Every structure is written in structure tokens, then in C-alpha cells.
N, C-alpha and C. Protein backbone atom coordinates (compact mmCIF):
# COMPACT_ATOMS: atom_id res chain seq x y z
N ALA A 1 132.91 109.33 143.31
CA ALA A 1 132.38 109.37 141.90
C ALA A 1 131.93 107.92 141.28
N TYR A 2 132.65 106.97 141.90
CA TYR A 2 132.23 105.44 141.51
C TYR A 2 130.89 105.25 142.10
N LEU A 3 130.62 105.53 143.27
CA LEU A 3 129.33 105.38 143.88
C LEU A 3 128.19 106.16 143.12
N LEU A 4 128.42 107.32 142.65
CA LEU A 4 127.64 108.12 142.05
C LEU A 4 127.26 107.65 140.76
N THR A 5 128.34 107.25 139.94
CA THR A 5 128.01 106.56 138.61
C THR A 5 127.30 105.32 138.72
N ILE A 6 127.76 104.39 139.56
CA ILE A 6 126.84 103.31 139.70
C ILE A 6 125.30 103.52 140.18
N THR A 7 125.20 104.43 140.93
CA THR A 7 123.75 104.75 141.12
C THR A 7 122.95 105.25 140.20
N PHE A 8 123.62 106.16 139.22
CA PHE A 8 122.93 106.74 138.06
C PHE A 8 122.72 105.73 137.02
N VAL A 9 123.53 104.78 136.86
CA VAL A 9 123.46 103.74 135.98
C VAL A 9 122.39 102.77 136.31
N GLY A 10 122.34 102.31 137.56
CA GLY A 10 121.41 101.54 138.16
C GLY A 10 119.94 102.17 138.01
N LEU A 11 119.77 103.62 138.29
CA LEU A 11 118.47 104.01 138.22
C LEU A 11 118.06 104.48 136.82
N ALA A 12 118.96 104.45 135.83
CA ALA A 12 118.61 104.49 134.48
C ALA A 12 118.23 103.20 133.81
N LEU A 13 119.22 102.32 134.00
CA LEU A 13 119.14 101.00 133.34
C LEU A 13 117.95 99.96 134.16
N GLY A 14 117.86 100.21 135.38
CA GLY A 14 117.05 99.21 135.96
C GLY A 14 115.62 99.33 135.55
N PRO A 15 115.01 100.38 135.62
CA PRO A 15 113.51 100.41 135.17
C PRO A 15 113.43 100.19 133.65
N TYR A 16 114.49 100.68 132.90
CA TYR A 16 114.47 100.38 131.20
C TYR A 16 114.32 99.00 131.12
N THR A 17 115.41 98.14 131.76
CA THR A 17 115.53 96.84 131.64
C THR A 17 114.20 96.14 132.02
N ILE A 18 113.75 96.36 133.14
CA ILE A 18 112.48 95.65 133.80
C ILE A 18 111.30 95.96 132.96
N GLY A 19 111.26 97.12 132.32
CA GLY A 19 110.15 97.39 131.31
C GLY A 19 110.30 96.65 130.08
N ARG A 20 111.60 96.56 129.52
CA ARG A 20 111.72 95.88 128.24
C ARG A 20 111.52 94.36 128.51
N LEU A 21 111.89 93.75 129.53
CA LEU A 21 111.50 92.40 129.89
C LEU A 21 110.10 92.11 130.23
N SER A 22 109.34 93.17 130.82
CA SER A 22 107.91 93.06 130.91
C SER A 22 107.24 92.96 129.60
N VAL A 23 107.61 93.77 128.67
CA VAL A 23 106.87 93.79 127.47
C VAL A 23 107.26 92.58 126.67
N ALA A 24 108.55 92.07 126.61
CA ALA A 24 108.88 91.10 125.92
C ALA A 24 108.33 89.75 126.61
N THR A 25 108.04 89.55 127.79
CA THR A 25 107.62 88.35 128.36
C THR A 25 106.40 88.63 129.23
N ASP A 26 106.70 89.12 130.59
CA ASP A 26 105.60 89.21 131.47
C ASP A 26 106.07 90.16 132.47
N LEU A 27 105.39 90.92 133.08
CA LEU A 27 105.78 91.92 134.30
C LEU A 27 106.44 91.08 135.29
N ARG A 28 105.75 89.68 135.74
CA ARG A 28 106.42 89.07 136.79
C ARG A 28 107.86 88.75 136.34
N ILE A 29 108.21 88.25 135.20
CA ILE A 29 109.54 87.93 134.82
C ILE A 29 110.66 89.10 134.96
N GLY A 30 109.97 90.36 134.45
CA GLY A 30 110.78 91.65 134.63
C GLY A 30 111.05 91.95 136.09
N MET A 31 110.21 91.79 137.03
CA MET A 31 110.31 92.09 138.41
C MET A 31 111.28 91.09 139.00
N LEU A 32 111.12 89.95 138.60
CA LEU A 32 111.89 88.79 139.27
C LEU A 32 113.36 89.01 138.85
N ALA A 33 113.63 89.55 137.57
CA ALA A 33 115.06 89.69 137.06
C ALA A 33 115.65 91.08 137.81
N GLY A 34 114.79 91.90 138.09
CA GLY A 34 115.26 93.11 138.97
C GLY A 34 115.64 92.67 140.29
N LEU A 35 114.87 91.68 140.86
CA LEU A 35 115.26 91.22 142.15
C LEU A 35 116.49 90.36 142.22
N SER A 36 116.53 89.71 141.17
CA SER A 36 117.85 88.75 141.11
C SER A 36 119.06 89.50 141.24
N VAL A 37 119.22 90.78 140.81
CA VAL A 37 120.30 91.49 141.10
C VAL A 37 120.61 91.87 142.57
N ASN A 38 119.79 91.76 143.42
CA ASN A 38 119.88 91.57 144.97
C ASN A 38 120.34 90.54 145.29
N VAL A 39 120.19 89.47 144.87
CA VAL A 39 120.77 88.02 145.23
C VAL A 39 122.31 88.25 144.94
N VAL A 40 122.54 88.66 143.67
CA VAL A 40 123.91 88.66 143.21
C VAL A 40 124.82 89.64 144.14
N ALA A 41 124.34 90.65 144.54
CA ALA A 41 124.90 91.59 145.33
C ALA A 41 125.06 91.21 146.95
N PHE A 42 124.02 90.38 147.30
CA PHE A 42 124.28 89.64 148.58
C PHE A 42 125.42 88.52 148.61
N VAL A 43 125.24 87.73 147.63
CA VAL A 43 126.40 86.92 147.41
C VAL A 43 127.74 87.48 147.48
N ALA A 44 127.81 88.59 146.78
CA ALA A 44 129.15 89.37 146.59
C ALA A 44 129.49 89.78 147.90
N ALA A 45 128.75 90.40 148.59
CA ALA A 45 128.90 90.95 149.93
C ALA A 45 129.42 89.72 150.94
N LEU A 46 128.79 88.69 150.84
CA LEU A 46 129.13 87.40 151.59
C LEU A 46 130.51 87.11 151.18
N LEU A 47 130.98 86.98 150.22
CA LEU A 47 132.44 86.68 149.62
C LEU A 47 133.18 87.57 150.21
N ALA A 48 132.92 88.96 150.13
CA ALA A 48 133.89 90.02 150.70
C ALA A 48 134.03 89.85 152.06
N MET A 49 133.15 89.55 152.78
CA MET A 49 133.04 89.60 154.43
C MET A 49 134.14 88.47 154.72
N ARG A 50 134.26 87.37 154.02
CA ARG A 50 135.19 86.15 154.34
C ARG A 50 136.71 86.62 154.42
N THR A 51 136.93 87.72 153.73
CA THR A 51 138.43 88.14 153.53
C THR A 51 138.55 89.48 154.32
N LEU A 52 137.53 89.99 154.94
CA LEU A 52 137.66 91.38 155.61
C LEU A 52 138.41 91.37 156.55
N VAL A 53 138.40 90.56 157.70
CA VAL A 53 139.41 90.50 158.79
C VAL A 53 140.79 90.34 158.42
N GLY A 54 140.99 89.48 157.54
CA GLY A 54 142.49 89.34 156.91
C GLY A 54 143.05 90.60 156.32
N ASP A 55 142.09 91.18 155.46
CA ASP A 55 142.43 92.34 154.87
C ASP A 55 142.85 93.47 155.84
N GLU A 56 142.02 93.68 156.71
CA GLU A 56 142.12 94.77 157.73
C GLU A 56 143.47 94.57 158.62
N THR A 57 143.75 93.30 158.95
CA THR A 57 145.10 93.01 159.79
C THR A 57 146.17 93.32 158.75
N THR A 58 146.22 93.20 157.68
CA THR A 58 147.33 93.22 156.95
C THR A 58 147.50 94.63 155.96
N ARG A 59 146.63 95.64 156.37
CA ARG A 59 146.63 96.61 155.51
C ARG A 59 147.88 97.64 155.63
N ILE A 60 148.39 97.70 156.77
CA ILE A 60 149.67 98.41 156.91
C ILE A 60 150.81 97.81 156.10
N ALA A 61 150.96 96.56 156.34
CA ALA A 61 152.05 95.84 155.55
C ALA A 61 152.00 95.88 154.13
N ARG A 62 150.52 95.90 153.60
CA ARG A 62 150.35 95.93 152.14
C ARG A 62 150.60 97.25 151.65
N ALA A 63 150.38 98.28 152.44
CA ALA A 63 150.63 99.57 152.02
C ALA A 63 152.12 99.95 152.17
N ARG A 64 152.83 99.46 152.99
CA ARG A 64 154.29 99.53 153.01
C ARG A 64 154.92 98.91 151.81
N ALA A 65 154.37 97.74 151.59
CA ALA A 65 155.00 96.82 150.25
C ALA A 65 154.63 97.62 149.00
N ALA A 66 153.50 98.44 148.86
CA ALA A 66 153.27 99.11 147.79
C ALA A 66 154.23 100.39 147.67
N GLY A 67 154.71 100.82 148.80
CA GLY A 67 155.67 102.13 148.89
C GLY A 67 154.80 103.37 149.49
N GLU A 68 153.77 103.07 150.16
CA GLU A 68 153.16 104.08 150.88
C GLU A 68 154.09 104.54 152.11
N ALA A 69 154.09 105.85 152.42
CA ALA A 69 154.57 106.15 153.64
C ALA A 69 154.02 106.31 154.74
N ILE A 70 154.01 105.37 155.84
CA ILE A 70 153.21 105.16 156.83
C ILE A 70 153.79 105.56 158.21
N ASP A 71 153.27 106.48 158.86
CA ASP A 71 153.72 107.04 160.15
C ASP A 71 153.05 106.34 161.28
N ALA A 72 153.37 106.75 162.53
CA ALA A 72 152.76 106.09 163.70
C ALA A 72 151.32 106.40 163.86
N THR A 73 150.88 107.50 163.34
CA THR A 73 149.42 107.79 163.52
C THR A 73 148.44 107.19 162.44
N ASP A 74 149.04 106.64 161.38
CA ASP A 74 148.30 105.94 160.36
C ASP A 74 148.23 104.47 160.76
N ALA A 75 149.12 103.87 161.56
CA ALA A 75 149.08 102.45 162.05
C ALA A 75 148.23 102.21 163.00
N ALA A 76 147.65 103.22 163.72
CA ALA A 76 146.63 102.99 164.73
C ALA A 76 145.25 102.50 164.07
């Protein structure tokens, strides 16, 4: 549901925002503003990749600490 919501919001607000910016300033500025979102997403992905290995190795311990019932098949 989260991914679907983000997709619909992006498809609705993206063209609208770029259109409003292009009317207010210039089409070039609107398009560059739309592309800048990709830069923000790329930086966020790089930051997430830094902790991915540590998060994967401690996922079972964190689940047990949160009270999850973990059996042998889940730990594999």
C-alpha cells in the first residue's frame, strides 16, 4: 500500500509541480526541479546502503529483542 500511495502521489504531484514551476519561471527550471528529486533519492539510497550489511546481520537479534517468535527456519 505504501509503494502504491507513493507512486500515485508522485504521478499526480510531479507533472503538476513541474507545470506550475514552468509557468512561474521557465520550463528549464521546472524540469531541473523534477530531476533534482532523483538526486535526493540517490543520496538516500547511498546512505541506506551504508547500514545494509549491519542491519541484515543483526535482524534476528533485533526481532528477538522486539518479542518476535523466531524458529530455526526463520534464522536461515
